[in-house]
Amino acid sequence: MEQQQTQMTESLFDEIPSLDLADFTNGSQSSRNKFVQDLGRAYNQIGFVAIRNHYLTDELSAQLYAAVKTFFDLSDSVKQKYEIAHLAGQRGYVSKGKERAKGRNTGDLKEFYHIGQEVEGNDPIKNEYPDNVWPEEVPEFKAVGLEVYRRLEQTGMEMLKAIAIYLQLPENYFSSRVKNGNSILRPIHYFPIDNSNEIPADAVRAAEHGDINLITLLMGASADGLQVLRRDGKWISITALPDQLIINVGDMLERLTNGKLKSTIHRVVNPPAHLMNTPRYSIPFFMHPRSEMSLAALPNCVDQQHPKKWEDITAGEFLDQRLKEIGLKK
């Protein structure tokens, strides 16, 4: 579906709004202000935007997708060398059906790979993170994976500056809180399904869910399937154009803003029957803060009309809680 600039109104969106990050990073003060207000309104209404003029290039995106496809084409026995039980899915490979949406018992029809933060310097938070795991069969995976990680993290930093301004916080409010944060790049393979696969009748590629983190930056997927649940209960399909990232609010940011910014439920639906035997690839970047960041509601997001919704919790505690709920941690 072609993304077009959508007028920002209080009405329901039929497609997610498209914004130009250059208006914020290199624009005039009035352009910056408009970007902030348009972004805030979209995140208040539907929780998703499409962003162009970010820091990821088409060339890097194509290189990573090529490496990802090469890895997922390996045999299950080879891939499972990189599934390390004690890491609870924090790094390396996670095999088919292991993750499930919160509240569901059936695993999603996907397998994926986790690339995490590479801490430089003497930041003690390095001790909290396991080392990344790299497949020796795909030597190019490491260099391109880490470069894409950095480009998406840089884009996310700018988005969080705009979000901070919208929330009437200092522009760099999030900067120290996400520096060396527990962010994850997750290449996903929604594997082909044919009659020889034994799968539960209610299994889907990704059941409806909200993301755990602050914001998610999604590279264009290889096929359709992503849908967002609108406020009136209607599902709308979204697809990023080649030059866009889809960037949405996660549960941590919703919690921090006491629901002012919306972590919208979304899903990846199964394709029509005649396309079930075709794969789908997708690469989200889940931007997390440092584990010690408090997710207690911001004081200016709480008033008589908007009483505090959730108890205080740190980002690390919330992540741990959710990883258990979705089956990645015991």
Protein backbone atom coordinates (compact mmCIF):
# COMPACT_ATOMS: atom_id res chain seq x y z
CA MET A 1 0.00 0.00 0.00
CA GLU A 2 1.45 3.34 -0.98
CA GLN A 3 2.10 5.62 1.96
CA GLN A 4 1.00 9.17 1.32
CA GLN A 5 1.17 12.23 3.52
CA THR A 6 -1.91 12.04 5.74
CA GLN A 7 -3.49 15.21 7.08
CA MET A 8 -3.15 15.31 10.84
CA THR A 9 -6.64 15.52 12.27
CA GLU A 10 -8.34 14.15 15.33
CA SER A 11 -10.24 11.75 13.07
CA LEU A 12 -9.23 8.11 12.67
CA PHE A 13 -6.32 7.42 10.34
CA ASP A 14 -6.93 5.24 7.27
CA GLU A 15 -3.16 4.96 6.86
CA ILE A 16 -0.31 5.92 9.09
CA PRO A 17 1.13 9.46 8.74
CA SER A 18 4.33 10.00 6.76
CA LEU A 19 6.89 12.48 8.11
CA ASP A 20 10.31 13.74 7.00
CA LEU A 21 12.97 13.48 9.73
CA ALA A 22 15.06 16.11 7.90
CA ASP A 23 12.43 18.66 8.93
CA PHE A 24 13.56 18.03 12.49
CA THR A 25 17.30 17.42 12.06
CA ASN A 26 18.05 20.08 9.42
CA GLY A 27 14.93 22.21 9.12
CA SER A 28 14.03 25.70 10.30
CA GLN A 29 12.63 26.24 13.76
CA SER A 30 9.11 26.28 12.34
CA SER A 31 9.78 23.00 10.47
CA ARG A 32 11.11 21.43 13.67
CA ASN A 33 8.08 22.61 15.61
CA LYS A 34 5.68 21.24 13.02
CA PHE A 35 7.48 17.88 12.95
CA VAL A 36 7.26 17.63 16.75
CA GLN A 37 3.56 18.46 16.85
CA ASP A 38 2.68 16.18 13.91
CA LEU A 39 4.67 13.34 15.47
CA GLY A 40 3.09 13.83 18.88
CA ARG A 41 -0.41 13.91 17.43
CA ALA A 42 0.20 10.71 15.45
CA TYR A 43 1.66 8.94 18.47
CA ASN A 44 -1.28 10.11 20.58
CA GLN A 45 -3.81 8.89 17.99
CA ILE A 46 -2.43 5.72 16.37
CA GLY A 47 1.10 5.17 17.71
CA PHE A 48 2.76 4.67 14.28
CA VAL A 49 4.46 6.90 11.70
CA ALA A 50 6.43 6.35 8.49
CA ILE A 51 9.73 8.28 8.46
CA ARG A 52 11.91 9.20 5.48
CA ASN A 53 15.36 10.82 5.44
CA HIS A 54 16.60 8.64 8.29
CA TYR A 55 20.18 7.33 8.62
CA LEU A 56 19.79 3.87 7.08
CA THR A 57 20.72 3.56 3.39
CA ASP A 58 19.01 1.31 0.84
CA GLU A 59 22.39 -0.30 0.15
CA LEU A 60 22.93 -1.28 3.79
CA SER A 61 19.38 -2.55 4.05
CA ALA A 62 19.83 -4.74 0.98
CA GLN A 63 23.17 -6.09 2.30
CA LEU A 64 21.63 -7.05 5.64
CA TYR A 65 18.62 -8.71 4.06
CA ALA A 66 20.96 -10.73 1.83
CA ALA A 67 22.98 -11.91 4.84
CA VAL A 68 19.82 -12.68 6.80
CA LYS A 69 18.38 -14.79 3.97
CA THR A 70 21.67 -16.69 3.70
CA PHE A 71 21.56 -17.51 7.40
CA PHE A 72 17.92 -18.62 7.51
CA ASP A 73 18.49 -20.82 4.43
CA LEU A 74 20.91 -22.93 6.51
CA SER A 75 19.68 -26.23 7.90
CA ASP A 76 17.94 -26.22 11.28
CA SER A 77 20.79 -28.25 12.77
CA VAL A 78 23.34 -25.60 11.73
CA LYS A 79 21.19 -22.68 12.92
CA GLN A 80 20.65 -24.33 16.28
CA LYS A 81 24.39 -24.10 16.97
CA TYR A 82 23.67 -20.42 17.60
CA GLU A 83 20.71 -20.97 19.94
CA ILE A 84 22.31 -20.80 23.37
CA ALA A 85 19.98 -21.90 26.14
CA HIS A 86 21.36 -19.86 29.03
CA LEU A 87 21.06 -16.60 27.06
CA ALA A 88 17.23 -16.91 27.08
CA GLY A 89 17.08 -15.56 23.54
CA GLN A 90 18.97 -12.37 24.35
CA ARG A 91 21.58 -13.02 21.64
CA GLY A 92 21.86 -15.31 18.66
CA TYR A 93 19.26 -17.60 17.13
CA VAL A 94 15.74 -18.30 18.45
CA SER A 95 14.11 -21.27 16.74
CA LYS A 96 10.68 -21.73 15.22
CA GLY A 97 7.65 -21.29 17.47
CA LYS A 98 9.60 -20.37 20.61
CA GLU A 99 8.07 -16.90 21.05
CA ARG A 100 4.38 -16.32 21.63
CA ALA A 101 2.32 -13.18 22.08
CA LYS A 102 1.37 -12.21 25.64
CA GLY A 103 -1.73 -14.12 26.67
CA ARG A 104 -1.35 -16.87 24.05
CA ASN A 105 -0.13 -20.45 24.35
CA THR A 106 0.55 -21.01 20.64
CA GLY A 107 3.95 -19.97 19.33
CA ASP A 108 4.30 -17.59 16.38
CA LEU A 109 5.22 -18.95 12.93
CA LYS A 110 8.67 -17.40 12.86
CA GLU A 111 12.33 -17.81 13.76
CA PHE A 112 14.69 -14.92 14.41
CA TYR A 113 18.16 -13.72 15.37
CA HIS A 114 19.13 -11.20 18.04
CA ILE A 115 21.95 -8.66 17.74
CA GLY A 116 22.52 -6.58 20.85
CA GLN A 117 24.46 -3.59 22.11
CA GLU A 118 28.23 -3.54 21.67
CA VAL A 119 29.37 -1.34 24.56
CA GLU A 120 32.52 0.65 23.91
CA GLY A 121 34.66 2.27 26.60
CA ASN A 122 34.47 1.53 30.30
CA ASP A 123 30.71 1.84 30.89
CA PRO A 124 29.99 -0.75 33.63
CA ILE A 125 26.67 -1.60 31.96
CA LYS A 126 28.73 -3.82 29.64
CA ASN A 127 28.65 -6.43 32.41
CA GLU A 128 24.85 -6.68 32.08
CA TYR A 129 24.92 -7.75 28.42
CA PRO A 130 26.02 -11.07 26.95
CA ASP A 131 28.36 -10.99 23.97
CA ASN A 132 26.86 -11.12 20.52
CA VAL A 133 26.83 -14.46 18.72
CA TRP A 134 27.89 -14.50 15.05
CA PRO A 135 27.35 -17.36 12.58
CA GLU A 136 30.64 -18.49 11.08
CA GLU A 137 28.78 -19.67 7.95
CA VAL A 138 27.78 -16.06 7.13
CA PRO A 139 30.91 -13.96 7.83
CA GLU A 140 29.40 -10.78 6.38
CA PHE A 141 26.56 -10.84 8.94
CA LYS A 142 28.60 -9.18 11.71
CA ALA A 143 29.85 -6.07 9.93
CA VAL A 144 26.59 -5.20 8.20
CA GLY A 145 24.49 -6.13 11.25
CA LEU A 146 26.44 -3.81 13.54
CA GLU A 147 26.41 -0.96 11.02
CA VAL A 148 22.64 -1.19 10.56
CA TYR A 149 22.28 -1.34 14.36
CA ARG A 150 24.21 1.95 14.72
CA ARG A 151 22.29 3.70 11.92
CA LEU A 152 18.93 2.74 13.40
CA GLU A 153 20.08 3.69 16.90
CA GLN A 154 21.15 7.11 15.57
CA THR A 155 17.74 7.57 13.94
CA GLY A 156 16.03 6.52 17.17
CA MET A 157 18.04 9.07 19.16
CA GLU A 158 16.70 11.87 16.95
CA MET A 159 13.14 10.57 17.22
CA LEU A 160 13.42 10.51 21.01
CA LYS A 161 14.61 14.13 20.98
CA ALA A 162 11.45 15.12 19.11
CA ILE A 163 9.33 13.05 21.49
CA ALA A 164 10.98 14.73 24.49
CA ILE A 165 10.17 18.18 23.11
CA TYR A 166 6.56 17.15 22.51
CA LEU A 167 6.36 15.98 26.13
CA GLN A 168 7.74 19.36 27.29
CA LEU A 169 10.94 17.73 28.54
CA PRO A 170 14.51 18.85 27.82
CA GLU A 171 15.45 17.82 24.27
CA ASN A 172 18.18 15.47 25.52
CA TYR A 173 16.02 13.91 28.26
CA PHE A 174 16.30 10.43 26.75
CA SER A 175 19.92 10.68 25.52
CA SER A 176 21.69 9.53 28.68
CA ARG A 177 18.92 7.05 29.41
CA VAL A 178 19.31 5.22 26.08
CA LYS A 179 23.09 5.52 25.64
CA ASN A 180 24.37 1.94 25.67
CA GLY A 181 20.77 0.83 26.24
CA ASN A 182 19.61 -2.75 25.89
CA SER A 183 18.42 -2.29 22.28
CA ILE A 184 17.96 -5.28 19.99
CA LEU A 185 18.13 -5.70 16.21
CA ARG A 186 15.95 -8.66 15.27
CA PRO A 187 16.04 -10.14 11.76
CA ILE A 188 12.91 -12.32 11.47
CA HIS A 189 12.11 -15.14 9.08
CA TYR A 190 8.43 -16.03 8.74
CA PHE A 191 9.06 -19.43 7.24
CA PRO A 192 7.03 -21.02 4.41
CA ILE A 193 4.13 -23.23 5.42
CA ASP A 194 3.04 -26.21 3.34
CA ASN A 195 1.00 -29.35 3.92
CA SER A 196 4.01 -31.18 5.32
CA ASN A 197 4.31 -28.77 8.26
CA GLU A 198 2.43 -29.73 11.38
CA ILE A 199 1.24 -26.48 12.89
CA PRO A 200 -1.58 -25.64 15.32
CA ALA A 201 -4.78 -24.48 13.64
CA ASP A 202 -4.64 -21.11 15.44
CA ALA A 203 -0.98 -20.38 14.64
CA VAL A 204 -0.16 -17.08 12.92
CA ARG A 205 3.03 -15.37 11.83
CA ALA A 206 2.85 -12.89 14.71
CA ALA A 207 -0.21 -12.74 16.93
CA GLU A 208 -1.53 -9.35 18.03
CA HIS A 209 0.78 -7.66 20.52
CA GLY A 210 2.33 -4.43 21.72
CA ASP A 211 6.12 -3.98 21.66
CA ILE A 212 7.94 -3.99 25.00
CA ASN A 213 10.45 -1.19 24.40
CA LEU A 214 10.46 2.62 24.06
CA ILE A 215 10.18 2.81 20.25
CA THR A 216 10.52 0.29 17.42
CA LEU A 217 12.14 1.13 14.08
CA LEU A 218 11.08 -1.25 11.33
CA MET A 219 12.89 -1.66 8.04
CA GLY A 220 10.74 -2.37 4.99
CA ALA A 221 9.65 -6.02 5.01
CA SER A 222 9.92 -8.40 2.06
CA ALA A 223 6.14 -8.93 1.87
CA ASP A 224 2.84 -7.54 3.11
CA GLY A 225 1.21 -8.73 6.31
CA LEU A 226 1.71 -6.06 9.00
CA GLN A 227 -1.55 -4.69 10.39
CA VAL A 228 -2.29 -2.07 13.06
CA LEU A 229 -5.38 -2.01 15.27
CA ARG A 230 -7.11 1.36 15.05
CA ARG A 231 -8.97 2.89 18.01
CA ASP A 232 -12.35 1.88 16.59
CA GLY A 233 -11.30 -1.78 16.36
CA LYS A 234 -10.54 -1.78 12.62
CA TRP A 235 -7.29 -3.37 11.43
CA ILE A 236 -5.41 -1.35 8.80
CA SER A 237 -2.56 -2.71 6.68
CA ILE A 238 0.73 -0.84 6.52
CA THR A 239 3.82 -1.25 4.37
CA ALA A 240 6.95 0.89 4.36
CA LEU A 241 8.14 2.25 1.04
CA PRO A 242 11.81 1.46 0.26
CA ASP A 243 12.99 4.82 1.62
CA GLN A 244 10.94 4.70 4.82
CA LEU A 245 11.14 3.30 8.31
CA ILE A 246 7.98 2.53 10.25
CA ILE A 247 8.50 3.81 13.81
CA ASN A 248 6.03 3.02 16.57
CA VAL A 249 5.56 3.59 20.29
CA GLY A 250 6.35 0.68 22.62
CA ASP A 251 4.86 -0.25 25.97
CA MET A 252 7.68 1.39 27.95
CA LEU A 253 7.00 4.78 26.38
CA GLU A 254 3.25 4.39 26.84
CA ARG A 255 3.85 3.58 30.48
CA LEU A 256 6.25 6.51 30.97
CA THR A 257 3.69 8.92 29.46
CA ASN A 258 0.76 7.43 31.41
CA GLY A 259 -0.94 6.48 28.13
CA LYS A 260 -0.52 9.88 26.43
CA LEU A 261 1.50 8.18 23.67
CA LYS A 262 -0.09 4.96 22.45
CA SER A 263 1.57 1.56 22.14
CA THR A 264 -0.77 0.30 19.45
CA ILE A 265 -1.59 -3.39 19.09
CA HIS A 266 -0.32 -4.85 15.81
CA ARG A 267 0.12 -8.24 14.17
CA VAL A 268 1.52 -10.03 11.13
CA VAL A 269 -1.24 -12.03 9.46
CA ASN A 270 -0.83 -15.21 7.48
CA PRO A 271 -0.85 -14.74 3.69
CA PRO A 272 -3.59 -16.17 1.44
CA ALA A 273 -3.49 -19.95 1.13
CA HIS A 274 -1.75 -19.88 -2.26
CA LEU A 275 1.11 -17.82 -0.76
CA MET A 276 1.55 -19.75 2.50
CA ASN A 277 4.55 -21.56 1.01
CA THR A 278 6.45 -18.29 0.47
CA PRO A 279 8.75 -16.76 3.11
CA ARG A 280 8.56 -13.28 4.63
CA TYR A 281 11.52 -11.40 6.12
CA SER A 282 11.35 -8.42 8.46
CA ILE A 283 13.96 -6.56 10.54
CA PRO A 284 12.77 -4.47 13.50
CA PHE A 285 15.07 -2.55 15.84
CA PHE A 286 13.70 -2.49 19.37
CA MET A 287 15.08 0.60 21.12
CA HIS A 288 15.46 0.03 24.84
CA PRO A 289 16.80 2.29 27.57
CA ARG A 290 19.31 1.33 30.20
CA SER A 291 17.86 -1.12 32.71
CA GLU A 292 17.92 1.36 35.59
CA MET A 293 15.66 3.90 33.84
CA SER A 294 12.45 4.48 35.78
CA LEU A 295 9.21 4.02 33.86
CA ALA A 296 7.22 5.87 36.55
CA ALA A 297 4.68 8.17 34.91
CA LEU A 298 6.03 11.62 34.07
CA PRO A 299 4.47 14.19 36.44
CA ASN A 300 3.18 16.31 33.56
CA CYS A 301 1.28 13.32 32.16
CA VAL A 302 -0.75 12.80 35.33
CA ASP A 303 -3.69 14.98 36.41
CA GLN A 304 -7.29 14.65 37.60
CA GLN A 305 -8.51 13.71 34.14
CA HIS A 306 -5.60 11.30 33.65
CA PRO A 307 -4.88 9.52 36.95
CA LYS A 308 -1.77 7.36 37.20
CA LYS A 309 -2.43 4.02 35.46
CA TRP A 310 0.52 1.83 36.44
CA GLU A 311 2.78 1.22 39.42
CA ASP A 312 6.41 2.36 39.32
CA ILE A 313 8.86 -0.04 37.72
CA THR A 314 12.29 0.13 36.09
CA ALA A 315 12.91 -0.71 32.44
CA GLY A 316 14.95 -3.75 33.44
CA GLU A 317 12.23 -5.10 35.72
CA PHE A 318 9.57 -4.52 33.08
CA LEU A 319 11.62 -6.25 30.38
CA ASP A 320 12.23 -9.25 32.62
CA GLN A 321 8.52 -9.49 33.37
CA ARG A 322 7.53 -9.37 29.72
CA LEU A 323 10.19 -11.84 28.51
CA LYS A 324 8.66 -14.39 30.87
CA GLU A 325 5.16 -13.61 29.58
CA ILE A 326 6.13 -14.23 25.94
CA GLY A 327 8.02 -17.46 26.65
CA LEU A 328 11.63 -16.42 26.08
CA LYS A 329 12.57 -16.54 29.76
CA LYS A 330 11.64 -19.07 32.41
